[in-house]
Each structure stands twice: as structure tokens, then as C-alpha cells.
Amino acid sequence: MPTEKPRYTITLDEEMLKKIDDFRFENRFANRTKATLELIRIGLDTIEKQGKYQQEKSKKT
């Protein structure tokens, strides 16, 4: 059954694809999509935390 979620396509170089595959296998994700979604989630969470840290740091200065 096809998903109703939005989709888009990205193009990767071989090195990045290998890193995603390594992450996938090391963390036992069922497929590349799930591994890639987790990497995106981790990246966005990190950016959000850094942004909050920067805002707090700016308030103290």
C-alpha cells in the first residue's frame, strides 16, 4: 500500500551513501529510508538544541 506522506528525491555521492549504509547496518534499520529519516531527525534535533544554546548564551552576554 503506497504511503500518502510527501516524498522527495535526493542525490548522494558514493561516500555519503556508504556512511548512511554503515549507519543503517550498525543500528539495524530495516531499510535506507528509515536510517535516513533517523539521521535527519538527529540532525534537526542537534540544530534545534544548538539554536537554543546560542539564544541562552546571547541572553547572558
PDB file of N, CA and C in Angstrom:
ATOM      1  N   MET A   1       0.842  -1.188   0.000  1.00  0.00           N
ATOM      2  CA  MET A   1       0.000   0.000   0.000  1.00  0.00           C
ATOM      3  C   MET A   1       0.885   1.250   0.000  1.00  0.00           C
ATOM      4  N   PRO A   2       0.776   2.090  -1.003  1.00  0.00           N
ATOM      5  CA  PRO A   2       1.581   3.308  -1.076  1.00  0.00           C
ATOM      6  C   PRO A   2       1.254   4.266   0.065  1.00  0.00           C
ATOM      7  N   THR A   3       2.252   5.012   0.461  1.00  0.00           N
ATOM      8  CA  THR A   3       2.053   5.981   1.535  1.00  0.00           C
ATOM      9  C   THR A   3       1.446   7.272   0.987  1.00  0.00           C
ATOM     10  N   GLU A   4       0.739   7.971   1.827  1.00  0.00           N
ATOM     11  CA  GLU A   4       0.163   9.262   1.458  1.00  0.00           C
ATOM     12  C   GLU A   4       1.071  10.403   1.927  1.00  0.00           C
ATOM     13  N   LYS A   5       2.195  10.053   2.525  1.00  0.00           N
ATOM     14  CA  LYS A   5       3.125  11.059   3.022  1.00  0.00           C
ATOM     15  C   LYS A   5       3.838  11.723   1.856  1.00  0.00           C
ATOM     16  N   PRO A   6       4.253  12.984   2.056  1.00  0.00           N
ATOM     17  CA  PRO A   6       5.005  13.661   0.994  1.00  0.00           C
ATOM     18  C   PRO A   6       6.321  12.934   0.726  1.00  0.00           C
ATOM     19  N   ARG A   7       6.787  12.999  -0.508  1.00  0.00           N
ATOM     20  CA  ARG A   7       8.038  12.372  -0.901  1.00  0.00           C
ATOM     21  C   ARG A   7       8.889  13.368  -1.667  1.00  0.00           C
ATOM     22  N   TYR A   8      10.190  13.148  -1.625  1.00  0.00           N
ATOM     23  CA  TYR A   8      11.105  13.881  -2.494  1.00  0.00           C
ATOM     24  C   TYR A   8      12.346  13.031  -2.706  1.00  0.00           C
ATOM     25  N   THR A   9      13.113  13.371  -3.711  1.00  0.00           N
ATOM     26  CA  THR A   9      14.283  12.597  -4.079  1.00  0.00           C
ATOM     27  C   THR A   9      15.537  13.421  -3.846  1.00  0.00           C
ATOM     28  N   ILE A  10      16.599  12.758  -3.376  1.00  0.00           N
ATOM     29  CA  ILE A  10      17.883  13.426  -3.233  1.00  0.00           C
ATOM     30  C   ILE A  10      18.944  12.608  -3.975  1.00  0.00           C
ATOM     31  N   THR A  11      20.007  13.272  -4.345  1.00  0.00           N
ATOM     32  CA  THR A  11      21.120  12.605  -4.998  1.00  0.00           C
ATOM     33  C   THR A  11      22.328  12.681  -4.077  1.00  0.00           C
ATOM     34  N   LEU A  12      22.976  11.540  -3.868  1.00  0.00           N
ATOM     35  CA  LEU A  12      24.118  11.450  -2.962  1.00  0.00           C
ATOM     36  C   LEU A  12      25.351  10.991  -3.708  1.00  0.00           C
ATOM     37  N   ASP A  13      26.509  11.351  -3.168  1.00  0.00           N
ATOM     38  CA  ASP A  13      27.721  10.756  -3.715  1.00  0.00           C
ATOM     39  C   ASP A  13      27.950   9.405  -3.022  1.00  0.00           C
ATOM     40  N   GLU A  14      28.861   8.637  -3.558  1.00  0.00           N
ATOM     41  CA  GLU A  14      29.103   7.278  -3.045  1.00  0.00           C
ATOM     42  C   GLU A  14      29.532   7.286  -1.583  1.00  0.00           C
ATOM     43  N   GLU A  15      30.331   8.266  -1.202  1.00  0.00           N
ATOM     44  CA  GLU A  15      30.828   8.336   0.173  1.00  0.00           C
ATOM     45  C   GLU A  15      29.682   8.535   1.172  1.00  0.00           C
ATOM     46  N   MET A  16      28.776   9.452   0.868  1.00  0.00           N
ATOM     47  CA  MET A  16      27.662   9.692   1.777  1.00  0.00           C
ATOM     48  C   MET A  16      26.727   8.482   1.829  1.00  0.00           C
ATOM     49  N   LEU A  17      26.492   7.855   0.687  1.00  0.00           N
ATOM     50  CA  LEU A  17      25.647   6.670   0.666  1.00  0.00           C
ATOM     51  C   LEU A  17      26.259   5.564   1.515  1.00  0.00           C
ATOM     52  N   LYS A  18      27.570   5.412   1.455  1.00  0.00           N
ATOM     53  CA  LYS A  18      28.243   4.403   2.266  1.00  0.00           C
ATOM     54  C   LYS A  18      28.074   4.712   3.751  1.00  0.00           C
ATOM     55  N   LYS A  19      28.193   5.981   4.124  1.00  0.00           N
ATOM     56  CA  LYS A  19      28.016   6.371   5.525  1.00  0.00           C
ATOM     57  C   LYS A  19      26.596   6.063   6.001  1.00  0.00           C
ATOM     58  N   ILE A  20      25.620   6.335   5.157  1.00  0.00           N
ATOM     59  CA  ILE A  20      24.228   6.025   5.515  1.00  0.00           C
ATOM     60  C   ILE A  20      24.045   4.517   5.652  1.00  0.00           C
ATOM     61  N   ASP A  21      24.600   3.757   4.717  1.00  0.00           N
ATOM     62  CA  ASP A  21      24.500   2.298   4.807  1.00  0.00           C
ATOM     63  C   ASP A  21      25.208   1.770   6.051  1.00  0.00           C
ATOM     64  N   ASP A  22      26.371   2.311   6.373  1.00  0.00           N
ATOM     65  CA  ASP A  22      27.079   1.894   7.594  1.00  0.00           C
ATOM     66  C   ASP A  22      26.224   2.173   8.821  1.00  0.00           C
ATOM     67  N   PHE A  23      25.654   3.377   8.885  1.00  0.00           N
ATOM     68  CA  PHE A  23      24.770   3.729  10.000  1.00  0.00           C
ATOM     69  C   PHE A  23      23.591   2.773  10.067  1.00  0.00           C
ATOM     70  N   ARG A  24      23.014   2.495   8.916  1.00  0.00           N
ATOM     71  CA  ARG A  24      21.862   1.587   8.835  1.00  0.00           C
ATOM     72  C   ARG A  24      22.193   0.221   9.419  1.00  0.00           C
ATOM     73  N   PHE A  25      23.285  -0.373   8.978  1.00  0.00           N
ATOM     74  CA  PHE A  25      23.628  -1.720   9.420  1.00  0.00           C
ATOM     75  C   PHE A  25      24.082  -1.749  10.878  1.00  0.00           C
ATOM     76  N   GLU A  26      24.836  -0.731  11.299  1.00  0.00           N
ATOM     77  CA  GLU A  26      25.291  -0.670  12.687  1.00  0.00           C
ATOM     78  C   GLU A  26      24.119  -0.526  13.662  1.00  0.00           C
ATOM     79  N   ASN A  27      23.056   0.118  13.212  1.00  0.00           N
ATOM     80  CA  ASN A  27      21.903   0.366  14.081  1.00  0.00           C
ATOM     81  C   ASN A  27      20.695  -0.484  13.719  1.00  0.00           C
ATOM     82  N   ARG A  28      20.894  -1.432  12.818  1.00  0.00           N
ATOM     83  CA  ARG A  28      19.891  -2.429  12.455  1.00  0.00           C
ATOM     84  C   ARG A  28      18.571  -1.850  11.953  1.00  0.00           C
ATOM     85  N   PHE A  29      18.677  -0.807  11.123  1.00  0.00           N
ATOM     86  CA  PHE A  29      17.472  -0.274  10.493  1.00  0.00           C
ATOM     87  C   PHE A  29      17.062  -1.197   9.352  1.00  0.00           C
ATOM     88  N   ALA A  30      15.780  -1.332   9.141  1.00  0.00           N
ATOM     89  CA  ALA A  30      15.258  -2.260   8.134  1.00  0.00           C
ATOM     90  C   ALA A  30      15.590  -1.828   6.709  1.00  0.00           C
ATOM     91  N   ASN A  31      15.723  -0.513   6.489  1.00  0.00           N
ATOM     92  CA  ASN A  31      16.000  -0.039   5.134  1.00  0.00           C
ATOM     93  C   ASN A  31      16.664   1.337   5.179  1.00  0.00           C
ATOM     94  N   ARG A  32      17.115   1.793   4.028  1.00  0.00           N
ATOM     95  CA  ARG A  32      17.789   3.089   3.936  1.00  0.00           C
ATOM     96  C   ARG A  32      16.871   4.242   4.312  1.00  0.00           C
ATOM     97  N   THR A  33      15.618   4.136   3.942  1.00  0.00           N
ATOM     98  CA  THR A  33      14.683   5.221   4.243  1.00  0.00           C
ATOM     99  C   THR A  33      14.595   5.456   5.742  1.00  0.00           C
ATOM    100  N   LYS A  34      14.432   4.379   6.501  1.00  0.00           N
ATOM    101  CA  LYS A  34      14.318   4.530   7.959  1.00  0.00           C
ATOM    102  C   LYS A  34      15.609   5.070   8.561  1.00  0.00           C
ATOM    103  N   ALA A  35      16.740   4.599   8.062  1.00  0.00           N
ATOM    104  CA  ALA A  35      18.027   5.103   8.550  1.00  0.00           C
ATOM    105  C   ALA A  35      18.192   6.577   8.209  1.00  0.00           C
ATOM    106  N   THR A  36      17.852   6.951   6.997  1.00  0.00           N
ATOM    107  CA  THR A  36      17.979   8.340   6.566  1.00  0.00           C
ATOM    108  C   THR A  36      17.050   9.246   7.369  1.00  0.00           C
ATOM    109  N   LEU A  37      15.834   8.811   7.619  1.00  0.00           N
ATOM    110  CA  LEU A  37      14.902   9.605   8.429  1.00  0.00           C
ATOM    111  C   LEU A  37      15.446   9.814   9.840  1.00  0.00           C
ATOM    112  N   GLU A  38      16.058   8.784  10.407  1.00  0.00           N
ATOM    113  CA  GLU A  38      16.633   8.918  11.744  1.00  0.00           C
ATOM    114  C   GLU A  38      17.808   9.896  11.729  1.00  0.00           C
ATOM    115  N   LEU A  39      18.651   9.825  10.712  1.00  0.00           N
ATOM    116  CA  LEU A  39      19.763  10.768  10.607  1.00  0.00           C
ATOM    117  C   LEU A  39      19.261  12.202  10.458  1.00  0.00           C
ATOM    118  N   ILE A  40      18.208  12.392   9.688  1.00  0.00           N
ATOM    119  CA  ILE A  40      17.615  13.724   9.541  1.00  0.00           C
ATOM    120  C   ILE A  40      17.060  14.202  10.881  1.00  0.00           C
ATOM    121  N   ARG A  41      16.364  13.322  11.589  1.00  0.00           N
ATOM    122  CA  ARG A  41      15.801  13.685  12.899  1.00  0.00           C
ATOM    123  C   ARG A  41      16.916  14.083  13.865  1.00  0.00           C
ATOM    124  N   ILE A  42      17.991  13.297  13.903  1.00  0.00           N
ATOM    125  CA  ILE A  42      19.124  13.601  14.778  1.00  0.00           C
ATOM    126  C   ILE A  42      19.720  14.960  14.410  1.00  0.00           C
ATOM    127  N   GLY A  43      19.896  15.205  13.117  1.00  0.00           N
ATOM    128  CA  GLY A  43      20.458  16.472  12.666  1.00  0.00           C
ATOM    129  C   GLY A  43      19.585  17.657  13.038  1.00  0.00           C
ATOM    130  N   LEU A  44      18.292  17.523  12.829  1.00  0.00           N
ATOM    131  CA  LEU A  44      17.371  18.623  13.159  1.00  0.00           C
ATOM    132  C   LEU A  44      17.313  18.866  14.667  1.00  0.00           C
ATOM    133  N   ASP A  45      17.310  17.792  15.460  1.00  0.00           N
ATOM    134  CA  ASP A  45      17.334  17.941  16.917  1.00  0.00           C
ATOM    135  C   ASP A  45      18.600  18.664  17.370  1.00  0.00           C
ATOM    136  N   THR A  46      19.725  18.303  16.763  1.00  0.00           N
ATOM    137  CA  THR A  46      21.002  18.935  17.102  1.00  0.00           C
ATOM    138  C   THR A  46      20.990  20.418  16.770  1.00  0.00           C
ATOM    139  N   ILE A  47      20.496  20.741  15.590  1.00  0.00           N
ATOM    140  CA  ILE A  47      20.415  22.150  15.180  1.00  0.00           C
ATOM    141  C   ILE A  47      19.506  22.923  16.126  1.00  0.00           C
ATOM    142  N   GLU A  48      18.385  22.328  16.489  1.00  0.00           N
ATOM    143  CA  GLU A  48      17.453  22.996  17.404  1.00  0.00           C
ATOM    144  C   GLU A  48      18.113  23.237  18.757  1.00  0.00           C
ATOM    145  N   LYS A  49      18.815  22.245  19.282  1.00  0.00           N
ATOM    146  CA  LYS A  49      19.483  22.394  20.577  1.00  0.00           C
ATOM    147  C   LYS A  49      20.578  23.443  20.503  1.00  0.00           C
ATOM    148  N   GLN A  50      21.339  23.465  19.418  1.00  0.00           N
ATOM    149  CA  GLN A  50      22.387  24.469  19.249  1.00  0.00           C
ATOM    150  C   GLN A  50      21.786  25.863  19.187  1.00  0.00           C
ATOM    151  N   GLY A  51      20.665  25.984  18.500  1.00  0.00           N
ATOM    152  CA  GLY A  51      19.994  27.271  18.407  1.00  0.00           C
ATOM    153  C   GLY A  51      19.540  27.762  19.768  1.00  0.00           C
ATOM    154  N   LYS A  52      18.973  26.872  20.559  1.00  0.00           N
ATOM    155  CA  LYS A  52      18.534  27.241  21.906  1.00  0.00           C
ATOM    156  C   LYS A  52      19.728  27.602  22.770  1.00  0.00           C
ATOM    157  N   TYR A  53      20.829  26.855  22.621  1.00  0.00           N
ATOM    158  CA  TYR A  53      22.045  27.147  23.371  1.00  0.00           C
ATOM    159  C   TYR A  53      22.568  28.530  22.988  1.00  0.00           C
ATOM    160  N   GLN A  54      22.590  28.819  21.697  1.00  0.00           N
ATOM    161  CA  GLN A  54      23.070  30.122  21.230  1.00  0.00           C
ATOM    162  C   GLN A  54      22.208  31.248  21.759  1.00  0.00           C
ATOM    163  N   GLN A  55      20.879  31.031  21.797  1.00  0.00           N
ATOM    164  CA  GLN A  55      19.957  32.053  22.308  1.00  0.00           C
ATOM    165  C   GLN A  55      20.210  32.300  23.786  1.00  0.00           C
ATOM    166  N   GLU A  56      20.396  31.229  24.572  1.00  0.00           N
ATOM    167  CA  GLU A  56      20.661  31.368  26.001  1.00  0.00           C
ATOM    168  C   GLU A  56      22.005  32.076  26.229  1.00  0.00           C
ATOM    169  N   LYS A  57      22.979  31.716  25.430  1.00  0.00           N
ATOM    170  CA  LYS A  57      24.303  32.331  25.539  1.00  0.00           C
ATOM    171  C   LYS A  57      24.230  33.820  25.235  1.00  0.00           C
ATOM    172  N   SER A  58      23.433  34.193  24.229  1.00  0.00           N
ATOM    173  CA  SER A  58      23.274  35.599  23.852  1.00  0.00           C
ATOM    174  C   SER A  58      22.577  36.393  24.958  1.00  0.00           C
ATOM    175  N   LYS A  59      21.639  35.783  25.656  1.00  0.00           N
ATOM    176  CA  LYS A  59      20.914  36.472  26.741  1.00  0.00           C
ATOM    177  C   LYS A  59      21.839  36.808  27.890  1.00  0.00           C
ATOM    178  N   LYS A  60      22.842  35.953  28.126  1.00  0.00           N
ATOM    179  CA  LYS A  60      23.768  36.157  29.257  1.00  0.00           C
ATOM    180  C   LYS A  60      24.810  37.212  28.941  1.00  0.00           C
ATOM    181  N   THR A  61      24.992  37.522  27.681  1.00  0.00           N
ATOM    182  CA  THR A  61      26.042  38.471  27.276  1.00  0.00           C
ATOM    183  C   THR A  61      25.539  39.892  27.267  1.00  0.00           C
TER     184      THR A  61
END
